[in-house]
Amino acid sequence: MNLLVTLDSNYIYALTVMLRSLKATNPDTKFDIYVAHSSLKEEDFKKIEENINENMVIHPIFISEEYFANAPTLSRISKETYYRLLLGDFLPKSVDRVLYLDPDIVILKPLDELYNLDFQGHVCAATRHTYSFMERVNLFRLRMKQSTHYVNAGVIMVDVDAWRKTITTEQIVQFISDNIKRLKLSDQDALNIIFEHKILFIDECKFNLDEKTYFCWHFLKKIDMDWVDKNTVIVHYNGSQKPWQVEEYKGKLGGYFEIFK
């Protein structure tokens, strides 16, 4: 399997936890893990290497900061997050599909079902990020059709060949430059706009469960923690509160991070 992560040194610890969860739940799977960055040092990669097994290979990929020098960011979102949008060029030509994962994730089950999904003619697969009123707000501010969904960019299964045929790095960089004022949520907004009609929607409770999503579906009595234990593949700590940054994590999903930290 091909995996992609993008990060700076602030997320090294989170990535090591994710890697420990990956090798615990997918022990016999061979992984090529591409790490796109602009500033990681040798000691950072040493920490990463200490948390993999013999079936995992780390491939560092240096990306120049100049690509997105003026791109908007948030306090918890660095320039590196934009690098996932360049995957068509910096991944080896032999890579035909890749699973992008944010570092602040833990893997609870095998990734085979997600990795081998049928794209059904779409460029990538992702999960919804907002619901009801907030989703309508996001679609309106990005001038997207109300008949679609706004997706979270923390878990993206990509048909790399289709991505390369759809858009070039030059077009992506130009799009970011032309739309700086629209991109309130950085490259996540860009992904939603660029691939508006080319995203396959997958189950967020199963493949990208965050605290907000758990709260919504638990409130509707659709899932509980027993359901998560049995069904969820990926838990994502994408809120402002991270389980490794606070003494007492207030979310319901923090226990999964504790298992692998």
Protein backbone atom coordinates (compact mmCIF):
# COMPACT_ATOMS: atom_id res chain seq x y z
CA MET A 1 0.00 0.00 0.00
CA ASN A 2 1.07 3.55 -0.71
CA LEU A 3 0.47 6.08 2.07
CA LEU A 4 1.12 9.83 2.02
CA VAL A 5 1.57 12.21 4.93
CA THR A 6 2.57 15.88 4.94
CA LEU A 7 3.84 17.63 8.06
CA ASP A 8 6.34 19.81 9.86
CA SER A 9 8.21 18.93 13.07
CA ASN A 10 5.25 19.92 15.28
CA TYR A 11 3.42 16.78 14.19
CA ILE A 12 6.25 14.24 14.48
CA TYR A 13 4.93 12.83 17.75
CA ALA A 14 1.41 12.49 16.35
CA LEU A 15 2.82 10.69 13.31
CA THR A 16 4.76 8.23 15.49
CA VAL A 17 1.54 7.33 17.30
CA MET A 18 -0.24 6.88 13.99
CA LEU A 19 2.55 4.60 12.75
CA ARG A 20 2.41 2.51 15.90
CA SER A 21 -1.33 2.06 15.41
CA LEU A 22 -0.76 1.19 11.75
CA LYS A 23 1.74 -1.57 12.43
CA ALA A 24 -0.41 -2.97 15.27
CA THR A 25 -3.56 -3.23 13.17
CA ASN A 26 -1.99 -3.99 9.77
CA PRO A 27 1.05 -6.07 10.83
CA ASP A 28 1.46 -8.10 7.64
CA THR A 29 0.77 -5.36 5.09
CA LYS A 30 3.65 -3.82 3.16
CA PHE A 31 3.59 -0.02 3.17
CA ASP A 32 5.46 2.58 1.17
CA ILE A 33 5.04 5.73 3.24
CA TYR A 34 5.77 9.01 1.45
CA VAL A 35 6.56 11.90 3.80
CA ALA A 36 6.28 15.30 2.10
CA HIS A 37 7.88 18.18 3.97
CA SER A 38 9.92 21.39 3.74
CA SER A 39 11.81 21.45 7.01
CA LEU A 40 12.16 18.03 8.65
CA LYS A 41 15.65 17.16 9.85
CA GLU A 42 17.60 13.94 10.15
CA GLU A 43 16.59 13.54 13.80
CA ASP A 44 12.93 13.86 12.82
CA PHE A 45 13.22 11.00 10.37
CA LYS A 46 15.12 8.99 12.96
CA LYS A 47 12.11 9.28 15.29
CA ILE A 48 9.82 8.22 12.46
CA GLU A 49 11.98 5.21 11.57
CA GLU A 50 11.97 4.06 15.21
CA ASN A 51 8.23 3.47 14.99
CA ILE A 52 7.92 1.31 11.88
CA ASN A 53 8.35 -2.40 11.26
CA GLU A 54 10.11 -4.40 8.56
CA ASN A 55 7.10 -4.10 6.23
CA MET A 56 7.23 -0.30 6.19
CA VAL A 57 9.50 1.87 4.06
CA ILE A 58 9.75 5.64 4.60
CA HIS A 59 10.30 7.81 1.51
CA PRO A 60 11.18 11.45 2.37
CA ILE A 61 10.07 13.96 -0.25
CA PHE A 62 11.32 17.53 0.03
CA ILE A 63 8.94 20.22 -1.27
CA SER A 64 9.97 23.83 -1.71
CA GLU A 65 8.03 26.32 0.42
CA GLU A 66 7.90 28.62 -2.59
CA TYR A 67 4.95 26.73 -4.08
CA PHE A 68 2.56 28.19 -1.50
CA ALA A 69 4.52 31.14 -0.13
CA ASN A 70 1.43 33.36 0.11
CA ALA A 71 -1.19 30.71 0.80
CA PRO A 72 -3.43 31.25 3.84
CA THR A 73 -2.93 29.04 6.91
CA LEU A 74 -4.48 28.59 10.35
CA SER A 75 -2.80 28.25 13.76
CA ARG A 76 -3.00 24.46 13.57
CA ILE A 77 -2.58 24.19 9.78
CA SER A 78 0.89 24.72 8.32
CA LYS A 79 1.97 25.30 4.73
CA GLU A 80 2.82 21.61 4.52
CA THR A 81 -0.85 20.69 4.46
CA TYR A 82 -1.04 22.11 0.92
CA TYR A 83 1.54 19.61 -0.31
CA ARG A 84 -1.03 16.84 -0.61
CA LEU A 85 -2.43 18.79 -3.56
CA LEU A 86 0.87 18.28 -5.40
CA LEU A 87 0.86 14.49 -5.16
CA GLY A 88 0.40 14.04 -8.89
CA ASP A 89 3.92 15.36 -9.53
CA PHE A 90 6.03 14.41 -6.53
CA LEU A 91 4.89 10.80 -6.14
CA PRO A 92 6.72 8.27 -8.34
CA LYS A 93 5.07 7.58 -11.67
CA SER A 94 4.65 3.95 -10.60
CA VAL A 95 2.20 5.00 -7.85
CA ASP A 96 -1.31 4.61 -9.27
CA ARG A 97 -3.23 4.98 -6.01
CA VAL A 98 -2.38 6.42 -2.61
CA LEU A 99 -4.08 6.89 0.74
CA TYR A 100 -3.44 10.34 2.19
CA LEU A 101 -3.66 10.53 6.00
CA ASP A 102 -3.27 13.47 8.35
CA PRO A 103 -0.74 12.73 11.12
CA ASP A 104 -3.31 13.26 13.91
CA ILE A 105 -4.98 9.92 13.22
CA VAL A 106 -5.01 6.44 14.72
CA ILE A 107 -5.75 3.29 12.72
CA LEU A 108 -8.00 0.77 14.46
CA LYS A 109 -8.46 -1.89 11.79
CA PRO A 110 -7.00 -3.14 8.47
CA LEU A 111 -7.05 -0.57 5.66
CA ASP A 112 -7.70 -3.04 2.83
CA GLU A 113 -11.36 -2.16 2.23
CA LEU A 114 -10.63 1.55 1.97
CA TYR A 115 -7.45 1.17 -0.06
CA ASN A 116 -8.97 -1.21 -2.62
CA LEU A 117 -12.28 0.59 -3.12
CA ASP A 118 -13.78 1.07 -6.57
CA PHE A 119 -13.48 4.77 -7.46
CA GLN A 120 -16.50 4.44 -9.79
CA GLY A 121 -15.00 7.01 -12.15
CA HIS A 122 -14.15 9.54 -9.42
CA VAL A 123 -10.71 11.04 -8.83
CA CYS A 124 -10.70 10.49 -5.08
CA ALA A 125 -12.79 9.35 -2.13
CA ALA A 126 -13.37 11.31 1.09
CA THR A 127 -15.90 11.79 3.89
CA ARG A 128 -18.32 14.56 4.76
CA HIS A 129 -17.05 17.19 7.19
CA THR A 130 -20.11 19.26 8.09
CA TYR A 131 -23.87 18.76 8.27
CA SER A 132 -27.12 20.65 7.82
CA PHE A 133 -26.72 24.42 8.21
CA MET A 134 -22.92 24.48 8.39
CA GLU A 135 -22.61 22.36 5.28
CA ARG A 136 -24.89 24.74 3.39
CA VAL A 137 -22.77 27.65 4.62
CA ASN A 138 -19.56 26.00 3.39
CA LEU A 139 -21.06 25.20 0.01
CA PHE A 140 -22.44 28.74 -0.34
CA ARG A 141 -19.20 30.52 0.57
CA LEU A 142 -17.25 28.36 -1.90
CA ARG A 143 -19.93 28.79 -4.58
CA MET A 144 -20.46 25.04 -4.82
CA LYS A 145 -23.73 23.32 -5.72
CA GLN A 146 -26.02 22.64 -2.75
CA SER A 147 -26.61 19.13 -4.11
CA THR A 148 -23.10 18.00 -3.15
CA HIS A 149 -21.23 17.67 0.17
CA TYR A 150 -18.30 19.47 1.78
CA VAL A 151 -15.58 16.94 2.59
CA ASN A 152 -12.79 16.66 5.13
CA ALA A 153 -9.31 16.44 3.61
CA GLY A 154 -7.71 14.46 6.44
CA VAL A 155 -8.40 11.09 4.82
CA ILE A 156 -8.32 10.96 1.03
CA MET A 157 -8.11 7.82 -1.07
CA VAL A 158 -6.73 8.95 -4.43
CA ASP A 159 -6.73 7.50 -7.93
CA VAL A 160 -3.39 9.08 -8.76
CA ASP A 161 -3.62 8.40 -12.49
CA ALA A 162 -7.01 10.13 -12.66
CA TRP A 163 -5.70 13.02 -10.54
CA ARG A 164 -2.80 13.57 -12.96
CA LYS A 165 -5.19 13.62 -15.90
CA THR A 166 -7.50 16.10 -14.18
CA ILE A 167 -5.16 18.86 -12.98
CA THR A 168 -1.49 19.86 -13.02
CA THR A 169 0.69 21.27 -10.26
CA GLU A 170 0.87 24.57 -12.13
CA GLN A 171 -2.92 24.79 -12.26
CA ILE A 172 -3.22 24.01 -8.55
CA VAL A 173 -0.65 26.61 -7.53
CA GLN A 174 -2.36 29.19 -9.75
CA PHE A 175 -5.77 28.31 -8.31
CA ILE A 176 -4.51 28.83 -4.73
CA SER A 177 -2.97 32.16 -5.72
CA ASP A 178 -6.16 33.33 -7.44
CA ASN A 179 -8.46 32.30 -4.59
CA ILE A 180 -6.57 33.26 -1.43
CA LYS A 181 -9.51 35.21 0.04
CA ARG A 182 -11.95 32.31 -0.49
CA LEU A 183 -9.87 29.64 1.23
CA LYS A 184 -10.88 30.03 4.87
CA LEU A 185 -9.96 26.40 5.56
CA SER A 186 -6.81 26.37 3.46
CA ASP A 187 -6.26 23.51 1.05
CA GLN A 188 -9.35 21.65 2.28
CA ASP A 189 -11.45 24.36 0.64
CA ALA A 190 -9.31 24.07 -2.48
CA LEU A 191 -9.82 20.31 -2.66
CA ASN A 192 -13.58 20.73 -2.37
CA ILE A 193 -13.74 23.32 -5.13
CA ILE A 194 -11.31 21.70 -7.58
CA PHE A 195 -12.80 18.21 -7.31
CA GLU A 196 -16.40 19.19 -6.58
CA HIS A 197 -17.96 16.62 -8.91
CA LYS A 198 -15.13 14.10 -8.79
CA ILE A 199 -15.22 12.97 -5.14
CA LEU A 200 -16.70 9.64 -4.07
CA PHE A 201 -18.33 10.01 -0.64
CA ILE A 202 -17.45 7.29 1.86
CA ASP A 203 -18.68 6.52 5.39
CA GLU A 204 -17.32 9.09 7.82
CA CYS A 205 -18.16 7.03 10.90
CA LYS A 206 -16.09 4.18 9.54
CA PHE A 207 -13.21 5.86 7.72
CA ASN A 208 -12.76 9.32 9.28
CA LEU A 209 -14.43 9.51 12.68
CA ASP A 210 -13.77 12.72 14.59
CA GLU A 211 -15.36 14.04 17.78
CA LYS A 212 -17.87 16.25 15.96
CA THR A 213 -19.02 13.39 13.75
CA TYR A 214 -19.31 11.04 16.72
CA PHE A 215 -21.39 13.60 18.62
CA CYS A 216 -23.76 14.10 15.67
CA TRP A 217 -24.37 10.43 14.99
CA HIS A 218 -24.49 9.47 18.67
CA PHE A 219 -27.09 12.20 19.25
CA LEU A 220 -29.18 10.59 16.49
CA LYS A 221 -28.69 7.22 18.25
CA LYS A 222 -27.00 5.77 15.17
CA ILE A 223 -23.66 4.89 16.81
CA ASP A 224 -22.14 4.44 20.26
CA MET A 225 -18.70 3.45 21.52
CA ASP A 226 -19.49 -0.25 21.05
CA TRP A 227 -20.26 0.48 17.40
CA VAL A 228 -16.96 2.35 17.06
CA ASP A 229 -15.05 -0.57 18.61
CA LYS A 230 -16.56 -2.97 16.09
CA ASN A 231 -16.67 -0.88 12.93
CA THR A 232 -14.45 2.22 12.85
CA VAL A 233 -11.22 1.93 10.87
CA ILE A 234 -9.83 5.46 11.32
CA VAL A 235 -10.19 7.94 14.19
CA HIS A 236 -9.16 11.52 13.44
CA TYR A 237 -8.29 14.14 16.08
CA ASN A 238 -8.84 17.11 13.79
CA GLY A 239 -10.19 19.59 16.32
CA SER A 240 -8.28 22.35 18.06
CA GLN A 241 -7.85 20.14 21.14
CA LYS A 242 -5.30 17.38 20.55
CA PRO A 243 -5.01 14.41 22.95
CA TRP A 244 -1.23 14.83 23.18
CA GLN A 245 -1.45 18.53 24.03
CA VAL A 246 -3.78 18.51 27.04
CA GLU A 247 -3.72 16.75 30.40
CA GLU A 248 -7.39 15.84 30.26
CA TYR A 249 -8.78 15.26 26.80
CA LYS A 250 -12.51 15.98 26.82
CA GLY A 251 -13.59 14.03 23.75
CA LYS A 252 -15.05 10.53 23.70
CA LEU A 253 -12.41 9.12 21.33
CA GLY A 254 -9.25 9.92 23.29
CA GLY A 255 -8.91 6.39 24.62
CA TYR A 256 -7.86 5.13 21.21
CA PHE A 257 -4.92 7.52 21.18
CA GLU A 258 -3.94 6.31 24.66
CA ILE A 259 -3.62 2.74 23.38
CA PHE A 260 -0.84 3.60 20.95
CA LYS A 261 0.94 6.60 22.50
